[in-house]
Amino acid sequence: TSHGEQLTTGLERLESSNSMYNVEIGYSYLPESPAF
């Protein structure tokens, strides 16, 4: 739920500061990407 967004927000902010930590978050689906 909402508190759990802390993890995904954190992952996205890490990616913004360093593209090595790239993630791909699919909302209700699994992305196909070279990212996490």
PDB file of all heavy atoms in Angstrom:
ATOM      1  N   THR A   1       0.866  -1.176   0.000  1.00  0.00           N
ATOM      2  CA  THR A   1       0.000   0.000   0.000  1.00  0.00           C
ATOM      3  C   THR A   1       0.909   1.235   0.000  1.00  0.00           C
ATOM      4  O   THR A   1       2.012   1.199  -0.549  1.00  0.00           O
ATOM      5  CB  THR A   1      -0.949  -0.014   1.212  1.00  0.00           C
ATOM      6  OG1 THR A   1      -0.178  -0.142   2.415  1.00  0.00           O
ATOM      7  CG2 THR A   1      -1.933  -1.184   1.111  1.00  0.00           C
ATOM      8  N   SER A   2       0.470   2.327   0.644  1.00  0.00           N
ATOM      9  CA  SER A   2       1.208   3.586   0.513  1.00  0.00           C
ATOM     10  C   SER A   2       2.584   3.565   1.171  1.00  0.00           C
ATOM     11  O   SER A   2       3.559   4.076   0.610  1.00  0.00           O
ATOM     12  CB  SER A   2       0.381   4.745   1.069  1.00  0.00           C
ATOM     13  OG  SER A   2      -0.039   4.474   2.396  1.00  0.00           O
ATOM     14  N   HIS A   3       2.717   2.970   2.368  1.00  0.00           N
ATOM     15  CA  HIS A   3       4.027   2.940   3.029  1.00  0.00           C
ATOM     16  C   HIS A   3       5.051   2.166   2.191  1.00  0.00           C
ATOM     17  O   HIS A   3       6.234   2.494   2.198  1.00  0.00           O
ATOM     18  CB  HIS A   3       3.914   2.324   4.422  1.00  0.00           C
ATOM     19  CG  HIS A   3       3.426   3.283   5.468  1.00  0.00           C
ATOM     20  ND1 HIS A   3       2.092   3.579   5.630  1.00  0.00           N
ATOM     21  CD2 HIS A   3       4.092   4.025   6.390  1.00  0.00           C
ATOM     22  CE1 HIS A   3       1.954   4.459   6.617  1.00  0.00           C
ATOM     23  NE2 HIS A   3       3.147   4.750   7.086  1.00  0.00           N
ATOM     24  N   GLY A   4       4.588   1.156   1.490  1.00  0.00           N
ATOM     25  CA  GLY A   4       5.501   0.367   0.677  1.00  0.00           C
ATOM     26  C   GLY A   4       6.103   1.132  -0.472  1.00  0.00           C
ATOM     27  O   GLY A   4       7.121   0.703  -1.048  1.00  0.00           O
ATOM     28  N   GLU A   5       5.500   2.281  -0.826  1.00  0.00           N
ATOM     29  CA  GLU A   5       6.064   3.109  -1.888  1.00  0.00           C
ATOM     30  C   GLU A   5       7.444   3.652  -1.517  1.00  0.00           C
ATOM     31  O   GLU A   5       8.187   4.104  -2.394  1.00  0.00           O
ATOM     32  CB  GLU A   5       5.127   4.286  -2.185  1.00  0.00           C
ATOM     33  CG  GLU A   5       3.809   3.878  -2.808  1.00  0.00           C
ATOM     34  CD  GLU A   5       2.862   5.057  -2.965  1.00  0.00           C
ATOM     35  OE1 GLU A   5       3.299   6.206  -2.710  1.00  0.00           O
ATOM     36  OE2 GLU A   5       1.699   4.832  -3.334  1.00  0.00           O
ATOM     37  N   GLN A   6       7.770   3.602  -0.233  1.00  0.00           N
ATOM     38  CA  GLN A   6       9.083   4.095   0.176  1.00  0.00           C
ATOM     39  C   GLN A   6      10.202   3.348  -0.546  1.00  0.00           C
ATOM     40  O   GLN A   6      11.213   3.939  -0.930  1.00  0.00           O
ATOM     41  CB  GLN A   6       9.252   3.969   1.692  1.00  0.00           C
ATOM     42  CG  GLN A   6       8.304   4.854   2.484  1.00  0.00           C
ATOM     43  CD  GLN A   6       8.426   4.671   3.977  1.00  0.00           C
ATOM     44  OE1 GLN A   6       9.496   4.273   4.476  1.00  0.00           O
ATOM     45  NE2 GLN A   6       7.368   4.942   4.719  1.00  0.00           N
ATOM     46  N   LEU A   7      10.017   2.048  -0.743  1.00  0.00           N
ATOM     47  CA  LEU A   7      11.059   1.245  -1.397  1.00  0.00           C
ATOM     48  C   LEU A   7      11.181   1.597  -2.872  1.00  0.00           C
ATOM     49  O   LEU A   7      12.291   1.808  -3.382  1.00  0.00           O
ATOM     50  CB  LEU A   7      10.777  -0.241  -1.234  1.00  0.00           C
ATOM     51  CG  LEU A   7      11.225  -0.899   0.074  1.00  0.00           C
ATOM     52  CD1 LEU A   7      10.483  -0.315   1.275  1.00  0.00           C
ATOM     53  CD2 LEU A   7      10.990  -2.409   0.015  1.00  0.00           C
ATOM     54  N   THR A   8      10.044   1.653  -3.583  1.00  0.00           N
ATOM     55  CA  THR A   8      10.103   1.939  -5.014  1.00  0.00           C
ATOM     56  C   THR A   8      10.523   3.384  -5.275  1.00  0.00           C
ATOM     57  O   THR A   8      11.266   3.658  -6.225  1.00  0.00           O
ATOM     58  CB  THR A   8       8.744   1.642  -5.672  1.00  0.00           C
ATOM     59  OG1 THR A   8       7.698   2.292  -4.938  1.00  0.00           O
ATOM     60  CG2 THR A   8       8.479   0.147  -5.698  1.00  0.00           C
ATOM     61  N   THR A   9      10.066   4.324  -4.427  1.00  0.00           N
ATOM     62  CA  THR A   9      10.513   5.709  -4.570  1.00  0.00           C
ATOM     63  C   THR A   9      12.020   5.804  -4.363  1.00  0.00           C
ATOM     64  O   THR A   9      12.727   6.492  -5.111  1.00  0.00           O
ATOM     65  CB  THR A   9       9.797   6.625  -3.559  1.00  0.00           C
ATOM     66  OG1 THR A   9       8.398   6.633  -3.834  1.00  0.00           O
ATOM     67  CG2 THR A   9      10.336   8.048  -3.625  1.00  0.00           C
ATOM     68  N   GLY A  10      12.515   5.103  -3.355  1.00  0.00           N
ATOM     69  CA  GLY A  10      13.947   5.102  -3.101  1.00  0.00           C
ATOM     70  C   GLY A  10      14.735   4.540  -4.260  1.00  0.00           C
ATOM     71  O   GLY A  10      15.786   5.091  -4.647  1.00  0.00           O
ATOM     72  N   LEU A  11      14.250   3.454  -4.849  1.00  0.00           N
ATOM     73  CA  LEU A  11      14.933   2.872  -6.004  1.00  0.00           C
ATOM     74  C   LEU A  11      14.956   3.844  -7.177  1.00  0.00           C
ATOM     75  O   LEU A  11      15.983   3.982  -7.869  1.00  0.00           O
ATOM     76  CB  LEU A  11      14.232   1.569  -6.410  1.00  0.00           C
ATOM     77  CG  LEU A  11      14.418   0.387  -5.463  1.00  0.00           C
ATOM     78  CD1 LEU A  11      13.459  -0.750  -5.836  1.00  0.00           C
ATOM     79  CD2 LEU A  11      15.850  -0.119  -5.470  1.00  0.00           C
ATOM     80  N   GLU A  12      13.851   4.521  -7.412  1.00  0.00           N
ATOM     81  CA  GLU A  12      13.795   5.466  -8.524  1.00  0.00           C
ATOM     82  C   GLU A  12      14.714   6.664  -8.286  1.00  0.00           C
ATOM     83  O   GLU A  12      15.347   7.164  -9.223  1.00  0.00           O
ATOM     84  CB  GLU A  12      12.351   5.935  -8.730  1.00  0.00           C
ATOM     85  CG  GLU A  12      11.446   4.848  -9.292  1.00  0.00           C
ATOM     86  CD  GLU A  12       9.993   5.262  -9.339  1.00  0.00           C
ATOM     87  OE1 GLU A  12       9.560   6.067  -8.478  1.00  0.00           O
ATOM     88  OE2 GLU A  12       9.273   4.762 -10.231  1.00  0.00           O
ATOM     89  N   ARG A  13      14.812   7.117  -7.054  1.00  0.00           N
ATOM     90  CA  ARG A  13      15.690   8.250  -6.755  1.00  0.00           C
ATOM     91  C   ARG A  13      17.161   7.848  -6.882  1.00  0.00           C
ATOM     92  O   ARG A  13      17.994   8.651  -7.320  1.00  0.00           O
ATOM     93  CB  ARG A  13      15.381   8.784  -5.360  1.00  0.00           C
ATOM     94  CG  ARG A  13      14.049   9.524  -5.291  1.00  0.00           C
ATOM     95  CD  ARG A  13      13.781  10.079  -3.903  1.00  0.00           C
ATOM     96  NE  ARG A  13      14.755  11.098  -3.521  1.00  0.00           N
ATOM     97  CZ  ARG A  13      14.711  12.367  -3.895  1.00  0.00           C
ATOM     98  NH1 ARG A  13      13.749  12.793  -4.687  1.00  0.00           N
ATOM     99  NH2 ARG A  13      15.637  13.225  -3.480  1.00  0.00           N
ATOM    100  N   LEU A  14      17.489   6.627  -6.515  1.00  0.00           N
ATOM    101  CA  LEU A  14      18.854   6.144  -6.707  1.00  0.00           C
ATOM    102  C   LEU A  14      19.208   6.098  -8.193  1.00  0.00           C
ATOM    103  O   LEU A  14      20.313   6.470  -8.594  1.00  0.00           O
ATOM    104  CB  LEU A  14      19.023   4.768  -6.081  1.00  0.00           C
ATOM    105  CG  LEU A  14      19.001   4.706  -4.553  1.00  0.00           C
ATOM    106  CD1 LEU A  14      18.990   3.255  -4.087  1.00  0.00           C
ATOM    107  CD2 LEU A  14      20.197   5.444  -3.950  1.00  0.00           C
ATOM    108  N   GLU A  15      18.257   5.656  -9.006  1.00  0.00           N
ATOM    109  CA  GLU A  15      18.486   5.624 -10.448  1.00  0.00           C
ATOM    110  C   GLU A  15      18.699   7.035 -10.995  1.00  0.00           C
ATOM    111  O   GLU A  15      19.542   7.253 -11.880  1.00  0.00           O
ATOM    112  CB  GLU A  15      17.312   4.962 -11.158  1.00  0.00           C
ATOM    113  CG  GLU A  15      17.466   4.929 -12.673  1.00  0.00           C
ATOM    114  CD  GLU A  15      16.252   4.368 -13.373  1.00  0.00           C
ATOM    115  OE1 GLU A  15      15.166   4.317 -12.767  1.00  0.00           O
ATOM    116  OE2 GLU A  15      16.387   3.986 -14.555  1.00  0.00           O
ATOM    117  N   SER A  16      17.940   7.994 -10.468  1.00  0.00           N
ATOM    118  CA  SER A  16      18.065   9.374 -10.944  1.00  0.00           C
ATOM    119  C   SER A  16      19.449   9.953 -10.667  1.00  0.00           C
ATOM    120  O   SER A  16      19.959  10.778 -11.426  1.00  0.00           O
ATOM    121  CB  SER A  16      16.998  10.260 -10.276  1.00  0.00           C
ATOM    122  OG  SER A  16      15.702   9.858 -10.667  1.00  0.00           O
ATOM    123  N   SER A  17      20.067   9.483  -9.575  1.00  0.00           N
ATOM    124  CA  SER A  17      21.392   9.989  -9.228  1.00  0.00           C
ATOM    125  C   SER A  17      22.510   9.187  -9.870  1.00  0.00           C
ATOM    126  O   SER A  17      23.635   9.683 -10.010  1.00  0.00           O
ATOM    127  CB  SER A  17      21.573   9.990  -7.708  1.00  0.00           C
ATOM    128  OG  SER A  17      21.502   8.678  -7.186  1.00  0.00           O
ATOM    129  N   ASN A  18      22.217   7.960 -10.284  1.00  0.00           N
ATOM    130  CA  ASN A  18      23.242   7.109 -10.896  1.00  0.00           C
ATOM    131  C   ASN A  18      22.538   6.061 -11.751  1.00  0.00           C
ATOM    132  O   ASN A  18      21.875   5.169 -11.225  1.00  0.00           O
ATOM    133  CB  ASN A  18      24.104   6.436  -9.828  1.00  0.00           C
ATOM    134  CG  ASN A  18      25.295   5.701 -10.419  1.00  0.00           C
ATOM    135  OD1 ASN A  18      25.277   5.267 -11.574  1.00  0.00           O
ATOM    136  ND2 ASN A  18      26.350   5.556  -9.633  1.00  0.00           N
ATOM    137  N   SER A  19      22.685   6.149 -13.062  1.00  0.00           N
ATOM    138  CA  SER A  19      21.967   5.269 -13.981  1.00  0.00           C
ATOM    139  C   SER A  19      22.367   3.801 -13.847  1.00  0.00           C
ATOM    140  O   SER A  19      21.677   2.926 -14.378  1.00  0.00           O
ATOM    141  CB  SER A  19      22.189   5.724 -15.427  1.00  0.00           C
ATOM    142  OG  SER A  19      23.569   5.674 -15.768  1.00  0.00           O
ATOM    143  N   MET A  20      23.473   3.531 -13.158  1.00  0.00           N
ATOM    144  CA  MET A  20      23.851   2.138 -12.935  1.00  0.00           C
ATOM    145  C   MET A  20      22.769   1.396 -12.152  1.00  0.00           C
ATOM    146  O   MET A  20      22.561   0.204 -12.326  1.00  0.00           O
ATOM    147  CB  MET A  20      25.179   2.061 -12.185  1.00  0.00           C
ATOM    148  CG  MET A  20      25.648   0.640 -11.899  1.00  0.00           C
ATOM    149  SD  MET A  20      27.251   0.613 -11.077  1.00  0.00           S
ATOM    150  CE  MET A  20      26.856   1.438  -9.523  1.00  0.00           C
ATOM    151  N   TYR A  21      22.051   2.141 -11.287  1.00  0.00           N
ATOM    152  CA  TYR A  21      21.015   1.525 -10.469  1.00  0.00           C
ATOM    153  C   TYR A  21      19.647   1.629 -11.149  1.00  0.00           C
ATOM    154  O   TYR A  21      18.638   1.945 -10.508  1.00  0.00           O
ATOM    155  CB  TYR A  21      20.975   2.196  -9.097  1.00  0.00           C
ATOM    156  CG  TYR A  21      22.304   2.170  -8.380  1.00  0.00           C
ATOM    157  CD1 TYR A  21      23.005   3.354  -8.137  1.00  0.00           C
ATOM    158  CD2 TYR A  21      22.877   0.970  -7.971  1.00  0.00           C
ATOM    159  CE1 TYR A  21      24.229   3.336  -7.482  1.00  0.00           C
ATOM    160  CE2 TYR A  21      24.115   0.946  -7.332  1.00  0.00           C
ATOM    161  CZ  TYR A  21      24.774   2.122  -7.095  1.00  0.00           C
ATOM    162  OH  TYR A  21      26.003   2.093  -6.462  1.00  0.00           O
ATOM    163  N   ASN A  22      19.615   1.342 -12.435  1.00  0.00           N
ATOM    164  CA  ASN A  22      18.363   1.502 -13.166  1.00  0.00           C
ATOM    165  C   ASN A  22      17.364   0.406 -12.827  1.00  0.00           C
ATOM    166  O   ASN A  22      17.697  -0.774 -12.692  1.00  0.00           O
ATOM    167  CB  ASN A  22      18.617   1.559 -14.676  1.00  0.00           C
ATOM    168  CG  ASN A  22      19.357   0.351 -15.207  1.00  0.00           C
ATOM    169  OD1 ASN A  22      20.300  -0.132 -14.580  1.00  0.00           O
ATOM    170  ND2 ASN A  22      18.957  -0.113 -16.374  1.00  0.00           N
ATOM    171  N   VAL A  23      16.129   0.832 -12.653  1.00  0.00           N
ATOM    172  CA  VAL A  23      15.026  -0.066 -12.356  1.00  0.00           C
ATOM    173  C   VAL A  23      13.902   0.183 -13.354  1.00  0.00           C
ATOM    174  O   VAL A  23      13.781   1.281 -13.919  1.00  0.00           O
ATOM    175  CB  VAL A  23      14.489   0.121 -10.918  1.00  0.00           C
ATOM    176  CG1 VAL A  23      15.550  -0.209  -9.887  1.00  0.00           C
ATOM    177  CG2 VAL A  23      13.959   1.533 -10.708  1.00  0.00           C
ATOM    178  N   GLU A  24      13.093  -0.822 -13.562  1.00  0.00           N
ATOM    179  CA  GLU A  24      11.906  -0.690 -14.396  1.00  0.00           C
ATOM    180  C   GLU A  24      10.740  -1.265 -13.599  1.00  0.00           C
ATOM    181  O   GLU A  24      10.706  -2.471 -13.307  1.00  0.00           O
ATOM    182  CB  GLU A  24      12.083  -1.439 -15.712  1.00  0.00           C
ATOM    183  CG  GLU A  24      10.981  -1.186 -16.718  1.00  0.00           C
ATOM    184  CD  GLU A  24      11.046   0.211 -17.334  1.00  0.00           C
ATOM    185  OE1 GLU A  24      12.145   0.770 -17.434  1.00  0.00           O
ATOM    186  OE2 GLU A  24       9.972   0.732 -17.711  1.00  0.00           O
ATOM    187  N   ILE A  25       9.791  -0.395 -13.235  1.00  0.00           N
ATOM    188  CA  ILE A  25       8.663  -0.804 -12.403  1.00  0.00           C
ATOM    189  C   ILE A  25       7.412  -0.858 -13.259  1.00  0.00           C
ATOM    190  O   ILE A  25       6.988   0.144 -13.835  1.00  0.00           O
ATOM    191  CB  ILE A  25       8.472   0.172 -11.226  1.00  0.00           C
ATOM    192  CG1 ILE A  25       9.740   0.213 -10.361  1.00  0.00           C
ATOM    193  CG2 ILE A  25       7.269  -0.241 -10.378  1.00  0.00           C
ATOM    194  CD1 ILE A  25       9.730   1.280  -9.289  1.00  0.00           C
ATOM    195  N   GLY A  26       6.838  -2.041 -13.339  1.00  0.00           N
ATOM    196  CA  GLY A  26       5.603  -2.219 -14.093  1.00  0.00           C
ATOM    197  C   GLY A  26       4.420  -2.289 -13.145  1.00  0.00           C
ATOM    198  O   GLY A  26       4.401  -3.123 -12.245  1.00  0.00           O
ATOM    199  N   TYR A  27       3.462  -1.416 -13.347  1.00  0.00           N
ATOM    200  CA  TYR A  27       2.297  -1.394 -12.469  1.00  0.00           C
ATOM    201  C   TYR A  27       1.272  -2.404 -12.974  1.00  0.00           C
ATOM    202  O   TYR A  27       0.639  -2.217 -13.995  1.00  0.00           O
ATOM    203  CB  TYR A  27       1.742   0.024 -12.379  1.00  0.00           C
ATOM    204  CG  TYR A  27       2.769   0.974 -11.781  1.00  0.00           C
ATOM    205  CD1 TYR A  27       3.515   1.823 -12.590  1.00  0.00           C
ATOM    206  CD2 TYR A  27       3.034   0.947 -10.417  1.00  0.00           C
ATOM    207  CE1 TYR A  27       4.482   2.654 -12.042  1.00  0.00           C
ATOM    208  CE2 TYR A  27       4.010   1.775  -9.863  1.00  0.00           C
ATOM    209  CZ  TYR A  27       4.721   2.626 -10.683  1.00  0.00           C
ATOM    210  OH  TYR A  27       5.697   3.431 -10.135  1.00  0.00           O
ATOM    211  N   SER A  28       1.212  -3.527 -12.267  1.00  0.00           N
ATOM    212  CA  SER A  28       0.367  -4.681 -12.599  1.00  0.00           C
ATOM    213  C   SER A  28       0.877  -5.454 -13.810  1.00  0.00           C
ATOM    214  O   SER A  28       0.127  -6.178 -14.461  1.00  0.00           O
ATOM    215  CB  SER A  28      -1.094  -4.267 -12.823  1.00  0.00           C
ATOM    216  OG  SER A  28      -1.652  -3.768 -11.622  1.00  0.00           O
ATOM    217  N   TYR A  29       2.157  -5.319 -14.123  1.00  0.00           N
ATOM    218  CA  TYR A  29       2.766  -6.144 -15.161  1.00  0.00           C
ATOM    219  C   TYR A  29       4.269  -6.210 -14.921  1.00  0.00           C
ATOM    220  O   TYR A  29       4.844  -5.379 -14.206  1.00  0.00           O
ATOM    221  CB  TYR A  29       2.474  -5.603 -16.557  1.00  0.00           C
ATOM    222  CG  TYR A  29       3.247  -4.357 -16.923  1.00  0.00           C
ATOM    223  CD1 TYR A  29       4.432  -4.435 -17.652  1.00  0.00           C
ATOM    224  CD2 TYR A  29       2.792  -3.094 -16.538  1.00  0.00           C
ATOM    225  CE1 TYR A  29       5.156  -3.300 -17.977  1.00  0.00           C
ATOM    226  CE2 TYR A  29       3.494  -1.959 -16.869  1.00  0.00           C
ATOM    227  CZ  TYR A  29       4.679  -2.058 -17.589  1.00  0.00           C
ATOM    228  OH  TYR A  29       5.388  -0.928 -17.904  1.00  0.00           O
ATOM    229  N   LEU A  30       4.923  -7.214 -15.522  1.00  0.00           N
ATOM    230  CA  LEU A  30       6.368  -7.376 -15.405  1.00  0.00           C
ATOM    231  C   LEU A  30       7.036  -6.782 -16.631  1.00  0.00           C
ATOM    232  O   LEU A  30       6.816  -7.250 -17.754  1.00  0.00           O
ATOM    233  CB  LEU A  30       6.735  -8.853 -15.276  1.00  0.00           C
ATOM    234  CG  LEU A  30       8.235  -9.140 -15.120  1.00  0.00           C
ATOM    235  CD1 LEU A  30       8.755  -8.581 -13.794  1.00  0.00           C
ATOM    236  CD2 LEU A  30       8.510 -10.647 -15.206  1.00  0.00           C
ATOM    237  N   PRO A  31       7.859  -5.753 -16.450  1.00  0.00           N
ATOM    238  CA  PRO A  31       8.536  -5.146 -17.604  1.00  0.00           C
ATOM    239  C   PRO A  31       9.580  -6.092 -18.200  1.00  0.00           C
ATOM    240  O   PRO A  31      10.071  -7.005 -17.532  1.00  0.00           O
ATOM    241  CB  PRO A  31       9.219  -3.907 -17.003  1.00  0.00           C
ATOM    242  CG  PRO A  31       8.626  -3.730 -15.650  1.00  0.00           C
ATOM    243  CD  PRO A  31       8.188  -5.087 -15.190  1.00  0.00           C
ATOM    244  N   GLU A  32       9.907  -5.841 -19.446  1.00  0.00           N
ATOM    245  CA  GLU A  32      11.024  -6.513 -20.106  1.00  0.00           C
ATOM    246  C   GLU A  32      12.066  -5.448 -20.378  1.00  0.00           C
ATOM    247  O   GLU A  32      11.898  -4.608 -21.261  1.00  0.00           O
ATOM    248  CB  GLU A  32      10.559  -7.186 -21.394  1.00  0.00           C
ATOM    249  CG  GLU A  32       9.607  -8.361 -21.165  1.00  0.00           C
ATOM    250  CD  GLU A  32       9.278  -9.089 -22.452  1.00  0.00           C
ATOM    251  OE1 GLU A  32       9.919  -8.774 -23.486  1.00  0.00           O
ATOM    252  OE2 GLU A  32       8.390  -9.947 -22.433  1.00  0.00           O
ATOM    253  N   SER A  33      13.136  -5.489 -19.625  1.00  0.00           N
ATOM    254  CA  SER A  33      14.124  -4.415 -19.691  1.00  0.00           C
ATOM    255  C   SER A  33      15.443  -4.927 -19.145  1.00  0.00           C
ATOM    256  O   SER A  33      15.474  -5.858 -18.330  1.00  0.00           O
ATOM    257  CB  SER A  33      13.630  -3.224 -18.852  1.00  0.00           C
ATOM    258  OG  SER A  33      14.646  -2.284 -18.642  1.00  0.00           O
ATOM    259  N   PRO A  34      16.579  -4.321 -19.547  1.00  0.00           N
ATOM    260  CA  PRO A  34      17.877  -4.690 -18.961  1.00  0.00           C
ATOM    261  C   PRO A  34      18.053  -4.158 -17.544  1.00  0.00           C
ATOM    262  O   PRO A  34      19.063  -4.407 -16.909  1.00  0.00           O
ATOM    263  CB  PRO A  34      18.883  -4.059 -19.923  1.00  0.00           C
ATOM    264  CG  PRO A  34      18.149  -2.924 -20.555  1.00  0.00           C
ATOM    265  CD  PRO A  34      16.727  -3.380 -20.673  1.00  0.00           C
ATOM    266  N   ALA A  35      17.046  -3.452 -17.030  1.00  0.00           N
ATOM    267  CA  ALA A  35      17.093  -2.921 -15.671  1.00  0.00           C
ATOM    268  C   ALA A  35      16.640  -3.984 -14.664  1.00  0.00           C
ATOM    269  O   ALA A  35      16.280  -5.111 -15.028  1.00  0.00           O
ATOM    270  CB  ALA A  35      16.195  -1.686 -15.578  1.00  0.00           C
ATOM    271  N   PHE A  36      16.672  -3.631 -13.392  1.00  0.00           N
ATOM    272  CA  PHE A  36      16.090  -4.455 -12.331  1.00  0.00           C
ATOM    273  C   PHE A  36      14.572  -4.340 -12.467  1.00  0.00           C
ATOM    274  O   PHE A  36      13.991  -3.294 -12.224  1.00  0.00           O
ATOM    275  CB  PHE A  36      16.572  -3.944 -10.979  1.00  0.00           C
ATOM    276  CG  PHE A  36      16.014  -4.661  -9.780  1.00  0.00           C
ATOM    277  CD1 PHE A  36      15.623  -5.994  -9.841  1.00  0.00           C
ATOM    278  CD2 PHE A  36      15.879  -3.996  -8.570  1.00  0.00           C
ATOM    279  CE1 PHE A  36      15.112  -6.652  -8.729  1.00  0.00           C
ATOM    280  CE2 PHE A  36      15.379  -4.634  -7.448  1.00  0.00           C
ATOM    281  CZ  PHE A  36      14.994  -5.967  -7.527  1.00  0.00           C
TER     282      PHE A  36
END
